[in-house]
Amino acid sequence: MMKRGRQSLRWAMGLSVAWALWGGVDLPLWSQPEQVVEVTIKDFKFVTKQGTLRLGVPTVIRVKNEDSERHDFGSTMFEGIPTQVERDGVVVYGPGLGGVFLDAKREAAIRFNMSRPGRHEFRCSIHPNMTGELLMLNVEAV
């Protein structure tokens, strides 16, 4: 009897996983793998490493300031969407965050779930000539 109960439990768990994978259950944001963008600030330039970025997938932008001066990483792409910024062990969360200021040799992580496709510019408000961009694609376009 014990063996039959275990088999039923395994079958039910397998069915639950299959149902979730086929879209029957919306998985929470934190259970999905993140797509990562690495942005390094060096010599007053943004150097960006990114793969294909898809809409609706949790995204983290890791920004590292390697310069000896303070910089800002900000963008309108975060407007109106829940965004989380983690810097120096402090996490700030909300729909109105525009970016993060980084002192020399510091880094931060910005987490969000983009819902608007297109090219999204980011900039340093302290040094207006410093700009970069991310390209967010529809899943169907990939």
N, C-alpha and C. Protein backbone atom coordinates (compact mmCIF):
# COMPACT_ATOMS: atom_id res chain seq x y z
N MET A 1 0.83 -1.19 0.00
CA MET A 1 0.00 0.00 0.00
C MET A 1 0.87 1.26 0.00
N MET A 2 1.96 1.21 0.75
CA MET A 2 2.86 2.36 0.84
C MET A 2 3.46 2.69 -0.53
N LYS A 3 3.87 1.68 -1.29
CA LYS A 3 4.47 1.87 -2.59
C LYS A 3 3.46 2.52 -3.55
N ARG A 4 2.22 2.07 -3.51
CA ARG A 4 1.18 2.61 -4.39
C ARG A 4 0.92 4.09 -4.07
N GLY A 5 0.95 4.47 -2.79
CA GLY A 5 0.76 5.87 -2.38
C GLY A 5 1.87 6.76 -2.90
N ARG A 6 3.10 6.27 -2.88
CA ARG A 6 4.23 7.04 -3.40
C ARG A 6 4.12 7.24 -4.91
N GLN A 7 3.69 6.18 -5.61
CA GLN A 7 3.53 6.28 -7.06
C GLN A 7 2.45 7.30 -7.41
N SER A 8 1.38 7.29 -6.66
CA SER A 8 0.29 8.26 -6.91
C SER A 8 0.78 9.68 -6.66
N LEU A 9 1.58 9.85 -5.61
CA LEU A 9 2.11 11.17 -5.29
C LEU A 9 3.05 11.65 -6.39
N ARG A 10 3.92 10.76 -6.86
CA ARG A 10 4.84 11.13 -7.96
C ARG A 10 4.05 11.48 -9.21
N TRP A 11 3.02 10.69 -9.53
CA TRP A 11 2.22 10.95 -10.71
C TRP A 11 1.53 12.32 -10.60
N ALA A 12 0.98 12.64 -9.43
CA ALA A 12 0.29 13.91 -9.22
C ALA A 12 1.27 15.08 -9.32
N MET A 13 2.47 14.91 -8.76
CA MET A 13 3.48 15.98 -8.85
C MET A 13 3.91 16.18 -10.29
N GLY A 14 4.11 15.07 -11.01
CA GLY A 14 4.49 15.17 -12.43
C GLY A 14 3.42 15.86 -13.25
N LEU A 15 2.16 15.54 -12.98
CA LEU A 15 1.05 16.18 -13.67
C LEU A 15 1.01 17.67 -13.36
N SER A 16 1.27 18.05 -12.12
CA SER A 16 1.28 19.47 -11.74
C SER A 16 2.38 20.23 -12.46
N VAL A 17 3.57 19.64 -12.54
CA VAL A 17 4.68 20.29 -13.24
C VAL A 17 4.35 20.43 -14.72
N ALA A 18 3.82 19.37 -15.33
CA ALA A 18 3.46 19.43 -16.75
C ALA A 18 2.41 20.50 -17.00
N TRP A 19 1.41 20.59 -16.12
CA TRP A 19 0.37 21.60 -16.24
C TRP A 19 0.97 23.01 -16.19
N ALA A 20 1.90 23.23 -15.28
CA ALA A 20 2.54 24.54 -15.15
C ALA A 20 3.36 24.86 -16.39
N LEU A 21 4.08 23.88 -16.93
CA LEU A 21 4.89 24.12 -18.12
C LEU A 21 4.05 24.40 -19.35
N TRP A 22 2.86 23.82 -19.43
CA TRP A 22 1.98 24.06 -20.57
C TRP A 22 1.16 25.33 -20.42
N GLY A 23 1.39 26.08 -19.36
CA GLY A 23 0.70 27.36 -19.22
C GLY A 23 -0.55 27.31 -18.39
N GLY A 24 -0.84 26.21 -17.75
CA GLY A 24 -2.04 26.11 -16.94
C GLY A 24 -1.96 26.89 -15.65
N VAL A 25 -0.73 27.20 -15.21
CA VAL A 25 -0.53 27.92 -13.96
C VAL A 25 0.47 29.03 -14.22
N ASP A 26 0.17 30.25 -13.79
CA ASP A 26 1.14 31.33 -13.89
C ASP A 26 2.12 31.20 -12.75
N LEU A 27 3.40 31.04 -13.10
CA LEU A 27 4.43 30.93 -12.07
C LEU A 27 4.79 32.31 -11.56
N PRO A 28 5.13 32.45 -10.29
CA PRO A 28 5.52 33.76 -9.77
C PRO A 28 6.76 34.28 -10.46
N LEU A 29 6.92 35.59 -10.44
CA LEU A 29 8.04 36.25 -11.09
C LEU A 29 9.37 35.67 -10.64
N TRP A 30 9.54 35.38 -9.36
CA TRP A 30 10.82 34.93 -8.84
C TRP A 30 11.14 33.48 -9.18
N SER A 31 10.20 32.72 -9.71
CA SER A 31 10.48 31.34 -10.05
C SER A 31 10.99 31.20 -11.48
N GLN A 32 10.91 32.25 -12.27
CA GLN A 32 11.38 32.20 -13.64
C GLN A 32 12.84 32.65 -13.68
N PRO A 33 13.64 32.08 -14.59
CA PRO A 33 15.02 32.53 -14.69
C PRO A 33 15.08 33.96 -15.21
N GLU A 34 16.07 34.70 -14.74
CA GLU A 34 16.23 36.10 -15.15
C GLU A 34 17.10 36.19 -16.39
N GLN A 35 16.79 37.15 -17.24
CA GLN A 35 17.70 37.51 -18.32
C GLN A 35 18.57 38.63 -17.77
N VAL A 36 19.86 38.55 -18.03
CA VAL A 36 20.82 39.46 -17.39
C VAL A 36 21.48 40.35 -18.43
N VAL A 37 21.58 41.64 -18.08
CA VAL A 37 22.32 42.62 -18.86
C VAL A 37 23.44 43.13 -17.98
N GLU A 38 24.66 43.11 -18.49
CA GLU A 38 25.81 43.64 -17.75
C GLU A 38 26.16 45.00 -18.35
N VAL A 39 26.19 46.03 -17.51
CA VAL A 39 26.58 47.37 -17.96
C VAL A 39 27.75 47.81 -17.09
N THR A 40 28.87 48.10 -17.75
CA THR A 40 30.05 48.59 -17.06
C THR A 40 30.27 50.03 -17.46
N ILE A 41 30.50 50.88 -16.47
CA ILE A 41 30.82 52.28 -16.73
C ILE A 41 32.33 52.41 -16.62
N LYS A 42 32.95 52.77 -17.73
CA LYS A 42 34.41 52.87 -17.76
C LYS A 42 34.81 53.96 -18.74
N ASP A 43 35.71 54.83 -18.31
CA ASP A 43 36.20 55.93 -19.15
C ASP A 43 35.04 56.78 -19.68
N PHE A 44 34.05 57.05 -18.81
CA PHE A 44 32.89 57.88 -19.14
C PHE A 44 32.09 57.33 -20.31
N LYS A 45 32.01 55.99 -20.39
CA LYS A 45 31.21 55.31 -21.41
C LYS A 45 30.48 54.14 -20.77
N PHE A 46 29.31 53.81 -21.33
CA PHE A 46 28.57 52.62 -20.95
C PHE A 46 29.00 51.48 -21.88
N VAL A 47 29.47 50.39 -21.33
CA VAL A 47 29.80 49.20 -22.11
C VAL A 47 28.76 48.14 -21.72
N THR A 48 27.95 47.74 -22.69
CA THR A 48 26.82 46.86 -22.42
C THR A 48 27.03 45.48 -23.02
N LYS A 49 26.76 44.44 -22.21
CA LYS A 49 26.76 43.05 -22.69
C LYS A 49 25.36 42.51 -22.47
N GLN A 50 24.71 42.14 -23.56
CA GLN A 50 23.35 41.60 -23.46
C GLN A 50 23.10 40.61 -24.57
N GLY A 51 22.27 39.63 -24.27
CA GLY A 51 21.78 38.73 -25.30
C GLY A 51 20.46 39.28 -25.81
N THR A 52 19.67 38.42 -26.44
CA THR A 52 18.34 38.82 -26.88
C THR A 52 17.45 38.98 -25.66
N LEU A 53 16.86 40.14 -25.50
CA LEU A 53 15.99 40.42 -24.36
C LEU A 53 14.54 40.28 -24.79
N ARG A 54 13.78 39.52 -24.01
CA ARG A 54 12.38 39.26 -24.35
C ARG A 54 11.45 39.94 -23.36
N LEU A 55 10.32 40.36 -23.88
CA LEU A 55 9.30 40.97 -23.04
C LEU A 55 8.68 39.93 -22.11
N GLY A 56 8.27 40.39 -20.94
CA GLY A 56 7.57 39.53 -20.01
C GLY A 56 8.47 38.58 -19.24
N VAL A 57 9.77 38.66 -19.44
CA VAL A 57 10.72 37.80 -18.74
C VAL A 57 11.42 38.66 -17.69
N PRO A 58 11.53 38.18 -16.46
CA PRO A 58 12.24 38.96 -15.43
C PRO A 58 13.64 39.32 -15.91
N THR A 59 13.98 40.59 -15.74
CA THR A 59 15.25 41.11 -16.24
C THR A 59 16.02 41.76 -15.10
N VAL A 60 17.33 41.56 -15.08
CA VAL A 60 18.19 42.25 -14.13
C VAL A 60 19.30 42.94 -14.92
N ILE A 61 19.47 44.22 -14.61
CA ILE A 61 20.59 44.98 -15.18
C ILE A 61 21.59 45.16 -14.06
N ARG A 62 22.79 44.63 -14.24
CA ARG A 62 23.86 44.78 -13.26
C ARG A 62 24.77 45.89 -13.76
N VAL A 63 24.82 46.99 -13.00
CA VAL A 63 25.60 48.16 -13.38
C VAL A 63 26.80 48.26 -12.46
N LYS A 64 27.98 48.40 -13.06
CA LYS A 64 29.22 48.50 -12.28
C LYS A 64 29.97 49.76 -12.72
N ASN A 65 30.25 50.65 -11.77
CA ASN A 65 30.98 51.88 -12.08
C ASN A 65 32.47 51.65 -11.80
N GLU A 66 33.25 51.52 -12.86
CA GLU A 66 34.70 51.34 -12.72
C GLU A 66 35.46 52.65 -12.80
N ASP A 67 34.75 53.76 -13.02
CA ASP A 67 35.41 55.07 -13.06
C ASP A 67 35.71 55.56 -11.64
N SER A 68 36.49 56.64 -11.57
CA SER A 68 36.82 57.23 -10.27
C SER A 68 35.87 58.37 -9.91
N GLU A 69 34.82 58.56 -10.72
CA GLU A 69 33.82 59.59 -10.46
C GLU A 69 32.43 58.98 -10.35
N ARG A 70 31.52 59.73 -9.74
CA ARG A 70 30.13 59.30 -9.58
C ARG A 70 29.40 59.40 -10.92
N HIS A 71 28.53 58.40 -11.18
CA HIS A 71 27.71 58.38 -12.39
C HIS A 71 26.28 58.00 -12.02
N ASP A 72 25.40 58.18 -12.97
CA ASP A 72 23.99 57.84 -12.83
C ASP A 72 23.63 56.88 -13.96
N PHE A 73 22.81 55.90 -13.65
CA PHE A 73 22.24 55.02 -14.67
C PHE A 73 20.74 55.20 -14.55
N GLY A 74 20.13 55.90 -15.51
CA GLY A 74 18.70 56.18 -15.45
C GLY A 74 18.05 56.00 -16.80
N SER A 75 16.75 55.70 -16.78
CA SER A 75 16.03 55.49 -18.02
C SER A 75 14.53 55.65 -17.80
N THR A 76 13.85 56.10 -18.84
CA THR A 76 12.39 56.17 -18.80
C THR A 76 11.77 54.78 -18.96
N MET A 77 12.58 53.76 -19.30
CA MET A 77 12.03 52.41 -19.48
C MET A 77 11.45 51.87 -18.18
N PHE A 78 11.86 52.42 -17.04
CA PHE A 78 11.37 51.95 -15.75
C PHE A 78 10.08 52.65 -15.31
N GLU A 79 9.67 53.69 -16.03
CA GLU A 79 8.49 54.47 -15.64
C GLU A 79 7.22 53.61 -15.64
N GLY A 80 6.51 53.66 -14.54
CA GLY A 80 5.21 53.00 -14.45
C GLY A 80 5.25 51.49 -14.26
N ILE A 81 6.43 50.89 -14.17
CA ILE A 81 6.51 49.44 -13.93
C ILE A 81 7.21 49.19 -12.61
N PRO A 82 6.82 48.14 -11.91
CA PRO A 82 7.51 47.82 -10.64
C PRO A 82 8.99 47.54 -10.90
N THR A 83 9.83 48.25 -10.19
CA THR A 83 11.28 48.13 -10.35
C THR A 83 11.91 47.99 -8.99
N GLN A 84 12.94 47.17 -8.91
CA GLN A 84 13.66 46.97 -7.66
C GLN A 84 15.12 47.32 -7.89
N VAL A 85 15.67 48.20 -7.06
CA VAL A 85 17.07 48.58 -7.14
C VAL A 85 17.77 48.12 -5.87
N GLU A 86 18.84 47.36 -6.04
CA GLU A 86 19.62 46.90 -4.90
C GLU A 86 21.04 47.46 -5.02
N ARG A 87 21.43 48.20 -3.96
CA ARG A 87 22.75 48.82 -3.95
C ARG A 87 23.25 48.86 -2.52
N ASP A 88 24.47 48.42 -2.30
CA ASP A 88 25.10 48.46 -0.98
C ASP A 88 24.23 47.78 0.09
N GLY A 89 23.57 46.70 -0.28
CA GLY A 89 22.76 45.96 0.68
C GLY A 89 21.39 46.55 0.95
N VAL A 90 21.04 47.64 0.28
CA VAL A 90 19.74 48.29 0.47
C VAL A 90 18.90 48.04 -0.79
N VAL A 91 17.64 47.65 -0.58
CA VAL A 91 16.73 47.39 -1.69
C VAL A 91 15.62 48.43 -1.66
N VAL A 92 15.40 49.08 -2.80
CA VAL A 92 14.31 50.05 -2.96
C VAL A 92 13.42 49.51 -4.06
N TYR A 93 12.10 49.57 -3.85
CA TYR A 93 11.15 48.98 -4.79
C TYR A 93 10.00 49.94 -5.04
N GLY A 94 9.55 50.01 -6.30
CA GLY A 94 8.38 50.82 -6.60
C GLY A 94 8.22 51.06 -8.08
N PRO A 95 7.08 51.62 -8.49
CA PRO A 95 6.83 51.89 -9.91
C PRO A 95 7.40 53.23 -10.38
N GLY A 96 7.93 54.05 -9.49
CA GLY A 96 8.40 55.37 -9.90
C GLY A 96 9.91 55.53 -9.89
N LEU A 97 10.67 54.43 -9.81
CA LEU A 97 12.12 54.53 -9.78
C LEU A 97 12.65 54.79 -11.18
N GLY A 98 13.56 55.75 -11.29
CA GLY A 98 14.09 56.09 -12.61
C GLY A 98 15.48 55.57 -12.86
N GLY A 99 16.14 55.03 -11.84
CA GLY A 99 17.49 54.54 -12.01
C GLY A 99 18.24 54.59 -10.69
N VAL A 100 19.57 54.71 -10.80
CA VAL A 100 20.40 54.65 -9.60
C VAL A 100 21.67 55.48 -9.80
N PHE A 101 22.11 56.18 -8.74
CA PHE A 101 23.39 56.87 -8.72
C PHE A 101 24.43 55.92 -8.15
N LEU A 102 25.60 55.90 -8.77
CA LEU A 102 26.67 55.01 -8.32
C LEU A 102 27.95 55.80 -8.08
N ASP A 103 28.44 55.73 -6.86
CA ASP A 103 29.73 56.32 -6.55
C ASP A 103 30.82 55.49 -7.24
N ALA A 104 32.04 56.02 -7.26
CA ALA A 104 33.17 55.33 -7.88
C ALA A 104 33.34 53.94 -7.29
N LYS A 105 33.62 52.99 -8.16
CA LYS A 105 33.91 51.60 -7.78
C LYS A 105 32.75 50.89 -7.08
N ARG A 106 31.52 51.31 -7.32
CA ARG A 106 30.32 50.69 -6.74
C ARG A 106 29.52 50.00 -7.83
N GLU A 107 28.58 49.16 -7.41
CA GLU A 107 27.70 48.48 -8.36
C GLU A 107 26.30 48.36 -7.79
N ALA A 108 25.35 48.08 -8.69
CA ALA A 108 23.95 47.94 -8.31
C ALA A 108 23.27 46.96 -9.25
N ALA A 109 22.12 46.44 -8.80
CA ALA A 109 21.30 45.55 -9.63
C ALA A 109 19.91 46.16 -9.72
N ILE A 110 19.38 46.25 -10.94
CA ILE A 110 18.04 46.78 -11.19
C ILE A 110 17.21 45.64 -11.76
N ARG A 111 16.13 45.28 -11.07
CA ARG A 111 15.27 44.17 -11.50
C ARG A 111 13.91 44.72 -11.91
N PHE A 112 13.40 44.20 -13.02
CA PHE A 112 12.09 44.63 -13.52
C PHE A 112 11.58 43.60 -14.50
N ASN A 113 10.36 43.77 -14.94
CA ASN A 113 9.74 42.90 -15.93
C ASN A 113 9.17 43.80 -17.01
N MET A 114 9.88 43.93 -18.11
CA MET A 114 9.53 44.88 -19.16
C MET A 114 8.28 44.43 -19.92
N SER A 115 7.39 45.39 -20.17
CA SER A 115 6.17 45.08 -20.90
C SER A 115 6.05 45.89 -22.19
N ARG A 116 7.02 46.77 -22.47
CA ARG A 116 6.96 47.61 -23.68
C ARG A 116 8.15 47.29 -24.59
N PRO A 117 7.86 46.84 -25.84
CA PRO A 117 8.95 46.53 -26.76
C PRO A 117 9.60 47.79 -27.29
N GLY A 118 10.78 47.63 -27.87
CA GLY A 118 11.46 48.73 -28.54
C GLY A 118 12.84 49.00 -28.00
N ARG A 119 13.41 50.11 -28.48
CA ARG A 119 14.72 50.56 -28.02
C ARG A 119 14.50 51.47 -26.82
N HIS A 120 15.22 51.18 -25.75
CA HIS A 120 15.09 51.95 -24.52
C HIS A 120 16.45 52.55 -24.17
N GLU A 121 16.52 53.86 -24.21
CA GLU A 121 17.77 54.56 -23.93
C GLU A 121 17.98 54.70 -22.43
N PHE A 122 19.25 54.63 -22.03
CA PHE A 122 19.62 54.97 -20.66
C PHE A 122 20.73 56.02 -20.74
N ARG A 123 20.94 56.75 -19.64
CA ARG A 123 21.88 57.85 -19.66
C ARG A 123 22.42 58.13 -18.27
N CYS A 124 23.45 58.98 -18.25
CA CYS A 124 23.99 59.50 -17.00
C CYS A 124 23.58 60.96 -16.94
N SER A 125 22.76 61.33 -15.96
CA SER A 125 22.30 62.72 -15.86
C SER A 125 23.42 63.67 -15.44
N ILE A 126 24.46 63.15 -14.85
CA ILE A 126 25.61 63.98 -14.45
C ILE A 126 26.47 64.31 -15.66
N HIS A 127 26.59 63.37 -16.58
CA HIS A 127 27.40 63.53 -17.80
C HIS A 127 26.50 63.24 -19.01
N PRO A 128 25.79 64.25 -19.52
CA PRO A 128 24.76 64.05 -20.56
C PRO A 128 25.24 63.39 -21.85
N ASN A 129 26.55 63.41 -22.11
CA ASN A 129 27.04 62.76 -23.33
C ASN A 129 27.15 61.24 -23.17
N MET A 130 26.94 60.73 -21.96
CA MET A 130 26.98 59.28 -21.72
C MET A 130 25.59 58.69 -21.93
N THR A 131 25.44 57.89 -23.00
CA THR A 131 24.15 57.24 -23.27
C THR A 131 24.39 55.81 -23.75
N GLY A 132 23.36 55.02 -23.68
CA GLY A 132 23.37 53.65 -24.19
C GLY A 132 21.94 53.24 -24.44
N GLU A 133 21.74 52.00 -24.91
CA GLU A 133 20.38 51.54 -25.15
C GLU A 133 20.26 50.03 -25.01
N LEU A 134 19.03 49.61 -24.69
CA LEU A 134 18.66 48.20 -24.65
C LEU A 134 17.57 47.99 -25.68
N LEU A 135 17.56 46.82 -26.30
CA LEU A 135 16.53 46.48 -27.27
C LEU A 135 15.69 45.35 -26.71
N MET A 136 14.40 45.62 -26.47
CA MET A 136 13.48 44.62 -25.93
C MET A 136 12.59 44.13 -27.08
N LEU A 137 12.55 42.81 -27.28
CA LEU A 137 11.79 42.21 -28.37
C LEU A 137 10.52 41.55 -27.87
N ASN A 138 9.52 41.48 -28.73
CA ASN A 138 8.37 40.63 -28.46
C ASN A 138 8.83 39.19 -28.52
N VAL A 139 8.25 38.31 -27.73
CA VAL A 139 8.62 36.89 -27.77
C VAL A 139 8.39 36.31 -29.16
N GLU A 140 7.32 36.74 -29.82
CA GLU A 140 7.01 36.24 -31.16
C GLU A 140 8.06 36.65 -32.19
N ALA A 141 8.81 37.74 -31.92
CA ALA A 141 9.78 38.23 -32.89
C ALA A 141 11.07 37.45 -32.87
N VAL A 142 11.26 36.60 -31.86
CA VAL A 142 12.52 35.88 -31.72
C VAL A 142 12.57 34.68 -32.60
